[in-house]
C-alpha atoms as a PDB file:
ATOM      1  CA  MET A   1      -4.984  13.595   6.982  1.00  0.00           C
ATOM      2  CA  ARG A   2      -2.627  14.968   4.322  1.00  0.00           C
ATOM      3  CA  VAL A   3      -1.573  13.599   0.939  1.00  0.00           C
ATOM      4  CA  GLY A   4      -0.037  15.024  -2.229  1.00  0.00           C
ATOM      5  CA  SER A   5      -1.450  17.971  -4.134  1.00  0.00           C
ATOM      6  CA  GLY A   6      -3.123  16.124  -7.023  1.00  0.00           C
ATOM      7  CA  PRO A   7      -6.556  14.480  -7.259  1.00  0.00           C
ATOM      8  CA  LEU A   8      -6.844  10.881  -6.105  1.00  0.00           C
ATOM      9  CA  LEU A   9      -8.357   7.916  -7.941  1.00  0.00           C
ATOM     10  CA  GLU A  10      -8.163   9.626 -11.342  1.00  0.00           C
ATOM     11  CA  CYS A  11      -8.157   6.156 -12.891  1.00  0.00           C
ATOM     12  CA  ARG A  12     -11.600   5.578 -11.302  1.00  0.00           C
ATOM     13  CA  ARG A  13     -13.505   8.504 -12.773  1.00  0.00           C
ATOM     14  CA  ILE A  14     -17.251   8.736 -12.215  1.00  0.00           C
ATOM     15  CA  PHE A  15     -18.000  12.357 -13.140  1.00  0.00           C
ATOM     16  CA  HIS A  16     -15.856  15.344 -14.150  1.00  0.00           C
ATOM     17  CA  SER A  17     -17.169  18.771 -15.146  1.00  0.00           C
ATOM     18  CA  ARG A  18     -16.187  22.456 -15.283  1.00  0.00           C
ATOM     19  CA  ASP A  19     -19.747  23.620 -15.950  1.00  0.00           C
ATOM     20  CA  VAL A  20     -21.935  24.897 -13.086  1.00  0.00           C
ATOM     21  CA  GLU A  21     -25.265  23.785 -14.513  1.00  0.00           C
ATOM     22  CA  GLU A  22     -23.983  20.379 -15.554  1.00  0.00           C
ATOM     23  CA  THR A  23     -22.573  19.897 -12.051  1.00  0.00           C
ATOM     24  CA  ARG A  24     -25.845  21.031 -10.466  1.00  0.00           C
ATOM     25  CA  ALA A  25     -27.916  18.694 -12.647  1.00  0.00           C
ATOM     26  CA  TRP A  26     -25.695  15.685 -11.971  1.00  0.00           C
ATOM     27  CA  LEU A  27     -25.796  16.234  -8.218  1.00  0.00           C
ATOM     28  CA  ARG A  28     -29.562  16.749  -8.286  1.00  0.00           C
ATOM     29  CA  GLY A  29     -29.846  13.272  -9.783  1.00  0.00           C
ATOM     30  CA  LYS A  30     -28.010  11.982  -6.695  1.00  0.00           C
ATOM     31  CA  GLU A  31     -30.382  13.898  -4.350  1.00  0.00           C
ATOM     32  CA  PHE A  32     -27.933  16.709  -3.580  1.00  0.00           C
ATOM     33  CA  LEU A  33     -28.386  20.459  -4.072  1.00  0.00           C
ATOM     34  CA  PHE A  34     -25.395  22.491  -5.300  1.00  0.00           C
ATOM     35  CA  ASP A  35     -25.028  26.272  -5.031  1.00  0.00           C
ATOM     36  CA  LEU A  36     -22.083  28.632  -5.440  1.00  0.00           C
ATOM     37  CA  VAL A  37     -21.193  30.928  -2.545  1.00  0.00           C
ATOM     38  CA  GLY A  38     -21.227  34.594  -3.600  1.00  0.00           C
ATOM     39  CA  ARG A  39     -19.948  35.962  -6.899  1.00  0.00           C
ATOM     40  CA  GLN A  40     -17.066  33.931  -8.295  1.00  0.00           C
ATOM     41  CA  THR A  41     -15.055  34.442 -11.449  1.00  0.00           C
ATOM     42  CA  GLY A  42     -13.587  30.951 -11.568  1.00  0.00           C
ATOM     43  CA  ARG A  43     -15.228  27.843 -12.992  1.00  0.00           C
ATOM     44  CA  PRO A  44     -15.861  24.701 -10.992  1.00  0.00           C
ATOM     45  CA  ASP A  45     -13.583  21.717 -11.387  1.00  0.00           C
ATOM     46  CA  GLU A  46     -15.733  18.946 -10.029  1.00  0.00           C
ATOM     47  CA  ARG A  47     -14.027  15.576  -9.851  1.00  0.00           C
ATOM     48  CA  VAL A  48     -15.939  12.592  -8.545  1.00  0.00           C
ATOM     49  CA  ASN A  49     -13.680   9.555  -8.505  1.00  0.00           C
ATOM     50  CA  GLY A  50     -14.426   6.384  -6.652  1.00  0.00           C
ATOM     51  CA  VAL A  51     -15.339   2.731  -6.374  1.00  0.00           C
ATOM     52  CA  TYR A  52     -18.652   1.118  -5.457  1.00  0.00           C
ATOM     53  CA  LEU A  53     -18.241  -1.877  -3.170  1.00  0.00           C
ATOM     54  CA  PRO A  54     -21.203  -4.187  -2.417  1.00  0.00           C
ATOM     55  CA  ASN A  55     -22.479  -2.069   0.520  1.00  0.00           C
ATOM     56  CA  MET A  56     -20.028   0.819   0.626  1.00  0.00           C
ATOM     57  CA  TYR A  57     -18.644   3.569  -1.577  1.00  0.00           C
ATOM     58  CA  LEU A  58     -15.068   4.876  -1.326  1.00  0.00           C
ATOM     59  CA  GLY A  59     -14.253   8.004  -3.273  1.00  0.00           C
ATOM     60  CA  TYR A  60     -12.468  11.299  -3.804  1.00  0.00           C
ATOM     61  CA  LEU A  61     -14.344  14.563  -4.346  1.00  0.00           C
ATOM     62  CA  GLN A  62     -13.504  18.183  -5.125  1.00  0.00           C
ATOM     63  CA  TYR A  63     -15.504  21.102  -6.539  1.00  0.00           C
ATOM     64  CA  GLY A  64     -12.849  23.761  -7.183  1.00  0.00           C
ATOM     65  CA  VAL A  65     -15.130  26.627  -6.096  1.00  0.00           C
ATOM     66  CA  LYS A  66     -16.696  27.891  -2.887  1.00  0.00           C
ATOM     67  CA  ALA A  67     -19.985  26.055  -2.654  1.00  0.00           C
ATOM     68  CA  VAL A  68     -22.783  24.785  -0.445  1.00  0.00           C
ATOM     69  CA  VAL A  69     -23.911  21.207  -1.005  1.00  0.00           C
ATOM     70  CA  SER A  70     -27.002  19.842   0.747  1.00  0.00           C
ATOM     71  CA  ALA A  71     -28.291  16.266   0.947  1.00  0.00           C
ATOM     72  CA  ALA A  72     -32.014  15.558   0.941  1.00  0.00           C
ATOM     73  CA  PRO A  73     -33.537  13.688   3.934  1.00  0.00           C
ATOM     74  CA  THR A  74     -34.561  10.953   1.482  1.00  0.00           C
ATOM     75  CA  ARG A  75     -30.967   9.706   1.422  1.00  0.00           C
ATOM     76  CA  ASN A  76     -30.744   6.950   4.038  1.00  0.00           C
ATOM     77  CA  ASP A  77     -27.026   6.229   4.072  1.00  0.00           C
ATOM     78  CA  TYR A  78     -24.191   7.050   6.463  1.00  0.00           C
ATOM     79  CA  TRP A  79     -21.442   9.367   5.199  1.00  0.00           C
ATOM     80  CA  VAL A  80     -17.958   9.934   6.580  1.00  0.00           C
ATOM     81  CA  HIS A  81     -16.165  12.945   5.051  1.00  0.00           C
ATOM     82  CA  LEU A  82     -12.406  13.211   5.623  1.00  0.00           C
ATOM     83  CA  PRO A  83     -10.857  16.421   4.198  1.00  0.00           C
ATOM     84  CA  ILE A  84      -7.353  16.000   2.817  1.00  0.00           C
ATOM     85  CA  ARG A  85      -6.931  19.638   1.725  1.00  0.00           C
ATOM     86  CA  GLY A  86      -8.746  22.847   2.619  1.00  0.00           C
ATOM     87  CA  SER A  87     -11.727  22.932   4.955  1.00  0.00           C
ATOM     88  CA  LEU A  88     -15.491  22.538   5.107  1.00  0.00           C
ATOM     89  CA  ASP A  89     -18.205  23.363   7.612  1.00  0.00           C
ATOM     90  CA  ALA A  90     -20.737  20.567   8.016  1.00  0.00           C
ATOM     91  CA  SER A  91     -24.227  21.070   9.449  1.00  0.00           C
ATOM     92  CA  SER A  92     -26.578  18.240  10.379  1.00  0.00           C
ATOM     93  CA  GLY A  93     -29.422  18.040  12.888  1.00  0.00           C
ATOM     94  CA  GLY A  94     -28.363  21.209  14.673  1.00  0.00           C
ATOM     95  CA  ASP A  95     -24.678  20.255  14.932  1.00  0.00           C
ATOM     96  CA  ASN A  96     -22.033  22.316  13.152  1.00  0.00           C
ATOM     97  CA  ILE A  97     -18.613  20.727  12.653  1.00  0.00           C
ATOM     98  CA  ALA A  98     -15.602  22.612  11.274  1.00  0.00           C
ATOM     99  CA  CYS A  99     -13.714  19.984   9.271  1.00  0.00           C
ATOM    100  CA  ASN A 100     -10.139  19.981   8.021  1.00  0.00           C
ATOM    101  CA  PRO A 101      -7.325  17.410   7.643  1.00  0.00           C
ATOM    102  CA  ARG A 102      -7.430  16.993  11.446  1.00  0.00           C
ATOM    103  CA  ARG A 103     -11.189  16.553  11.892  1.00  0.00           C
ATOM    104  CA  ALA A 104     -13.819  14.608   9.923  1.00  0.00           C
ATOM    105  CA  VAL A 105     -17.604  14.453  10.123  1.00  0.00           C
ATOM    106  CA  ILE A 106     -20.009  11.506  10.224  1.00  0.00           C
ATOM    107  CA  VAL A 107     -23.482  12.204   8.856  1.00  0.00           C
ATOM    108  CA  SER A 108     -26.223   9.841  10.061  1.00  0.00           C
ATOM    109  CA  PRO A 109     -29.542   9.491   8.162  1.00  0.00           C
ATOM    110  CA  THR A 110     -31.531   9.527  11.427  1.00  0.00           C
ATOM    111  CA  ARG A 111     -31.820  13.321  11.584  1.00  0.00           C
ATOM    112  CA  ASP A 112     -35.012  14.849  10.188  1.00  0.00           C
ATOM    113  CA  SER A 113     -33.377  17.677   8.242  1.00  0.00           C
ATOM    114  CA  TYR A 114     -31.102  18.452   5.354  1.00  0.00           C
ATOM    115  CA  SER A 115     -27.434  17.964   6.035  1.00  0.00           C
ATOM    116  CA  SER A 116     -25.252  20.515   4.308  1.00  0.00           C
ATOM    117  CA  MET A 117     -21.621  21.400   3.781  1.00  0.00           C
ATOM    118  CA  ARG A 118     -20.047  24.760   3.039  1.00  0.00           C
ATOM    119  CA  LEU A 119     -16.758  24.186   1.233  1.00  0.00           C
ATOM    120  CA  ASP A 120     -13.707  26.283   0.486  1.00  0.00           C
ATOM    121  CA  ALA A 121     -12.575  26.423  -3.135  1.00  0.00           C
ATOM    122  CA  ASP A 122      -9.478  24.362  -2.352  1.00  0.00           C
ATOM    123  CA  CYS A 123     -11.340  21.735  -0.327  1.00  0.00           C
ATOM    124  CA  SER A 124     -10.967  18.132  -1.420  1.00  0.00           C
ATOM    125  CA  ARG A 125     -11.818  15.023   0.531  1.00  0.00           C
ATOM    126  CA  VAL A 126     -11.880  11.290   0.707  1.00  0.00           C
ATOM    127  CA  HIS A 127     -15.273  10.004   1.755  1.00  0.00           C
ATOM    128  CA  ILE A 128     -17.148   6.782   2.315  1.00  0.00           C
ATOM    129  CA  TYR A 129     -20.776   5.891   2.700  1.00  0.00           C
ATOM    130  CA  PHE A 130     -22.542   2.803   3.947  1.00  0.00           C
ATOM    131  CA  HIS A 131     -26.033   1.638   3.123  1.00  0.00           C
ATOM    132  CA  GLN A 132     -28.168   1.823   6.261  1.00  0.00           C
ATOM    133  CA  ASP A 133     -29.320  -1.799   6.013  1.00  0.00           C
ATOM    134  CA  ALA A 134     -25.727  -3.043   5.735  1.00  0.00           C
ATOM    135  CA  LEU A 135     -24.644  -1.137   8.838  1.00  0.00           C
ATOM    136  CA  LEU A 136     -27.612  -2.472  10.802  1.00  0.00           C
ATOM    137  CA  ARG A 137     -26.804  -6.034   9.720  1.00  0.00           C
ATOM    138  CA  GLN A 138     -23.233  -5.575  10.926  1.00  0.00           C
ATOM    139  CA  LEU A 139     -24.423  -4.157  14.245  1.00  0.00           C
ATOM    140  CA  THR A 140     -26.907  -7.022  14.652  1.00  0.00           C
ATOM    141  CA  ALA A 141     -24.102  -9.541  14.076  1.00  0.00           C
ATOM    142  CA  LEU A 142     -21.937  -7.842  16.725  1.00  0.00           C
ATOM    143  CA  LEU A 143     -24.756  -7.691  19.266  1.00  0.00           C
ATOM    144  CA  GLY A 144     -26.125 -11.163  18.573  1.00  0.00           C
ATOM    145  CA  GLU A 145     -29.645  -9.731  18.703  1.00  0.00           C
ATOM    146  CA  PRO A 146     -31.902  -7.596  16.474  1.00  0.00           C
ATOM    147  CA  VAL A 147     -31.587  -3.816  16.370  1.00  0.00           C
ATOM    148  CA  ASP A 148     -34.980  -2.091  16.443  1.00  0.00           C
ATOM    149  CA  LYS A 149     -33.959   1.317  15.073  1.00  0.00           C
ATOM    150  CA  PRO A 150     -31.135   2.928  13.063  1.00  0.00           C
ATOM    151  CA  VAL A 151     -28.000   3.915  14.913  1.00  0.00           C
ATOM    152  CA  GLU A 152     -26.903   7.556  15.165  1.00  0.00           C
ATOM    153  CA  PHE A 153     -23.187   8.418  15.428  1.00  0.00           C
ATOM    154  CA  ASP A 154     -21.486  11.270  17.211  1.00  0.00           C
ATOM    155  CA  PRO A 155     -20.876  13.549  14.194  1.00  0.00           C
ATOM    156  CA  GLU A 156     -17.334  14.657  15.096  1.00  0.00           C
ATOM    157  CA  LEU A 157     -14.374  12.388  14.373  1.00  0.00           C
ATOM    158  CA  ALA A 158     -10.804  13.425  15.220  1.00  0.00           C
ATOM    159  CA  LEU A 159      -8.244  12.255  12.660  1.00  0.00           C
ATOM    160  CA  THR A 160      -5.210  12.782  14.906  1.00  0.00           C
ATOM    161  CA  SER A 161      -5.768   9.927  17.349  1.00  0.00           C
ATOM    162  CA  GLY A 162      -7.653   6.691  17.992  1.00  0.00           C
ATOM    163  CA  PHE A 163      -9.947   5.194  15.385  1.00  0.00           C
ATOM    164  CA  GLY A 164     -10.085   8.397  13.321  1.00  0.00           C
ATOM    165  CA  ARG A 165      -6.345   8.276  12.731  1.00  0.00           C
ATOM    166  CA  SER A 166      -6.535   4.567  11.923  1.00  0.00           C
ATOM    167  CA  LEU A 167      -9.522   5.051   9.609  1.00  0.00           C
ATOM    168  CA  ALA A 168      -7.687   7.740   7.627  1.00  0.00           C
ATOM    169  CA  SER A 169      -4.688   5.422   7.249  1.00  0.00           C
ATOM    170  CA  TYR A 170      -6.842   2.462   6.152  1.00  0.00           C
ATOM    171  CA  LEU A 171      -8.731   4.516   3.566  1.00  0.00           C
ATOM    172  CA  LEU A 172      -5.617   6.102   2.091  1.00  0.00           C
ATOM    173  CA  LEU A 173      -4.041   2.656   1.852  1.00  0.00           C
ATOM    174  CA  ALA A 174      -7.164   1.385   0.065  1.00  0.00           C
ATOM    175  CA  VAL A 175      -7.084   4.380  -2.298  1.00  0.00           C
ATOM    176  CA  SER A 176      -3.441   3.698  -3.068  1.00  0.00           C
ATOM    177  CA  ASP A 177      -4.275   0.064  -3.817  1.00  0.00           C
ATOM    178  CA  LEU A 178      -7.226   0.976  -6.049  1.00  0.00           C
ATOM    179  CA  GLU A 179      -5.022   3.265  -8.123  1.00  0.00           C
ATOM    180  CA  GLN A 180      -3.107   0.178  -9.302  1.00  0.00           C
ATOM    181  CA  PRO A 181      -4.317  -2.007 -12.192  1.00  0.00           C
ATOM    182  CA  ASP A 182      -3.821  -5.177 -10.122  1.00  0.00           C
ATOM    183  CA  ALA A 183      -5.556  -3.833  -6.987  1.00  0.00           C
ATOM    184  CA  THR A 184      -6.255  -6.395  -4.282  1.00  0.00           C
ATOM    185  CA  LEU A 185      -9.612  -4.729  -3.654  1.00  0.00           C
ATOM    186  CA  ASN A 186     -10.732  -5.595  -7.179  1.00  0.00           C
ATOM    187  CA  ASN A 187     -11.498  -9.022  -5.737  1.00  0.00           C
ATOM    188  CA  SER A 188     -15.163  -9.176  -4.665  1.00  0.00           C
ATOM    189  CA  ILE A 189     -14.418 -11.201  -1.509  1.00  0.00           C
ATOM    190  CA  MET A 190     -11.723  -8.731  -0.463  1.00  0.00           C
ATOM    191  CA  MET A 191     -14.191  -5.884  -1.080  1.00  0.00           C
ATOM    192  CA  MET A 192     -16.744  -7.425   1.284  1.00  0.00           C
ATOM    193  CA  MET A 193     -14.144  -8.139   3.955  1.00  0.00           C
ATOM    194  CA  PHE A 194     -12.781  -4.597   3.725  1.00  0.00           C
ATOM    195  CA  GLU A 195     -16.157  -2.914   4.109  1.00  0.00           C
ATOM    196  CA  GLN A 196     -17.040  -5.184   7.054  1.00  0.00           C
ATOM    197  CA  PHE A 197     -13.701  -4.327   8.656  1.00  0.00           C
ATOM    198  CA  ILE A 198     -14.362  -0.585   8.319  1.00  0.00           C
ATOM    199  CA  MET A 199     -17.959  -0.829   9.564  1.00  0.00           C
ATOM    200  CA  THR A 200     -16.945  -2.996  12.523  1.00  0.00           C
ATOM    201  CA  GLY A 201     -14.193  -0.578  13.536  1.00  0.00           C
ATOM    202  CA  LEU A 202     -16.605   2.341  13.376  1.00  0.00           C
ATOM    203  CA  LEU A 203     -19.260   0.557  15.429  1.00  0.00           C
ATOM    204  CA  LEU A 204     -16.862  -0.721  18.094  1.00  0.00           C
ATOM    205  CA  THR A 205     -14.763   2.389  18.639  1.00  0.00           C
ATOM    206  CA  HIS A 206     -16.792   5.523  17.796  1.00  0.00           C
ATOM    207  CA  ALA A 207     -19.652   6.767  19.993  1.00  0.00           C
ATOM    208  CA  HIS A 208     -23.193   6.081  18.788  1.00  0.00           C
ATOM    209  CA  THR A 209     -26.635   5.352  20.183  1.00  0.00           C
ATOM    210  CA  CYS A 210     -25.940   1.616  20.600  1.00  0.00           C
ATOM    211  CA  SER A 211     -22.441   1.917  22.058  1.00  0.00           C
ATOM    212  CA  GLU A 212     -23.577   0.997  25.568  1.00  0.00           C
ATOM    213  CA  ARG A 213     -25.349  -2.130  24.309  1.00  0.00           C
ATOM    214  CA  LEU A 214     -22.130  -3.213  22.595  1.00  0.00           C
ATOM    215  CA  ARG A 215     -20.084  -2.605  25.752  1.00  0.00           C
ATOM    216  CA  ARG A 216     -22.491  -4.786  27.767  1.00  0.00           C
END
C-alpha cells in the first residue's frame, strides 16, 4: 500500500502538534498512552487527519518520531491500521504483527490487555475504526440471527492479495475523494453505505470467530 510522500487528508485536520507533552495529553484524552523510544533529538510531527462517519472513522496518522502508542482496554472499537510508509510492530493479546505497506493489522476489542504499537519515525498510516455495536449489527443482519458475543478477527491482514488488497484500494479511493471540496462521501447516505460496504467485506472475507456461522 504505497502513495506519495506527503501527508494525506490535510484538508481534514483534527490535531497537529510538534510538542511531545501536548501530543501526549491529547492522546491521553482519547485513551491512548504515548511514549518516545530512547533518546531522540528531533521533535514530533503528529498529524491526525480524518473524517468521522456515523459508525466509522477514516483517517491518516503520523508521529514523526520513534514512539510506542498503547490503547487502553476500555476502548471497545475495532481498528484496522494500514501503513503507507515505514513500519510498525503491533502487539495485541499475545500476537505480534510486523506491519508495513504489504501487511496491516486488525485490533479487536475482545482481548483483555493493552494493544500497543511500536512505530518507526517515518511511519505513517491510513486507518479505520468501527464501533463495536455497529459491527455486531452488521453481522446480525448478515446472519439473520442475533450474535451473543463480540467477534474477534485474525489480526494479520495481507495487503498484496484478496480482501486486504481491495480494502487498501477502497480506502485510498475514499481518501482521494474526501480531499476534494465536492466529495461524494460528504453525503450522509453515501457515508452510511460506504461504511456498511467496508464492514460487510471484512466480515465476509477475513477470518474471525463467526466465519464458520456465516459460511453455513
